[in-house]
Amino acid sequence: MEFTQLIAQRYSCKNFGAGKVDAAALHTILEAGRLAPTAKNTQEQRIYVVQSEEGLAKIDAATPCRYGAPICLVVAYDKNHTFTYPGERMNSGMEDAAIVATHLLLGAANAGVDSCWVNFFDPDKLAKALGLPENEEIVMRQRIRPQIPPQAPRMLLRRPHLPGRMF
């Protein structure tokens, strides 16, 4: 699918059924995340694939927003391996992980898999439940499932382009 069409048709799916994501599609999605750019190529992102009953139960205990998705991807970054920007006030971890997560979402759409970015959870509670190292910070959780053809055309409401300022 052409990229402009892909981003125009991608939406945040909240209707998950019992379908399974095949291994090839999952590999394609994870590869999209792996190829995402990071500051100074630090590649501090961590992508956890949660698909076991035990793992999904831990997700369910942390948030009511799984909606039956068969796989959840948890995106985190290693706080000890980020690029610190001039001024020493900020580092690249959060934005690099967000770029990786966006690549995962677009990779999912390209692989014919529906997805949704989820931030409705306590990241510390989820990290503890999943047994993640203390140096890793969770940025988001994403649920995925095989695409189901829509019964009717999706009407995605988008604001019109708002002009910005040019300098």
Foldseek 3Di string as FASTA:
>chain_A
DDPVVLVVQADADQADDDFDDDPVLVVQLLVLLQPFDFVVNLSQKDKDKQQDPLSVVLVVVFDVRQNNFRIKIWIKGQQVRWAQDPVRPDTGGQVSSVRSVVSSCSSCSVSQKHKHKDDPGDQVSSCVSVVHDPRITTNIMMGIHHDDDDPDDDDDDDDPDDDDDDD
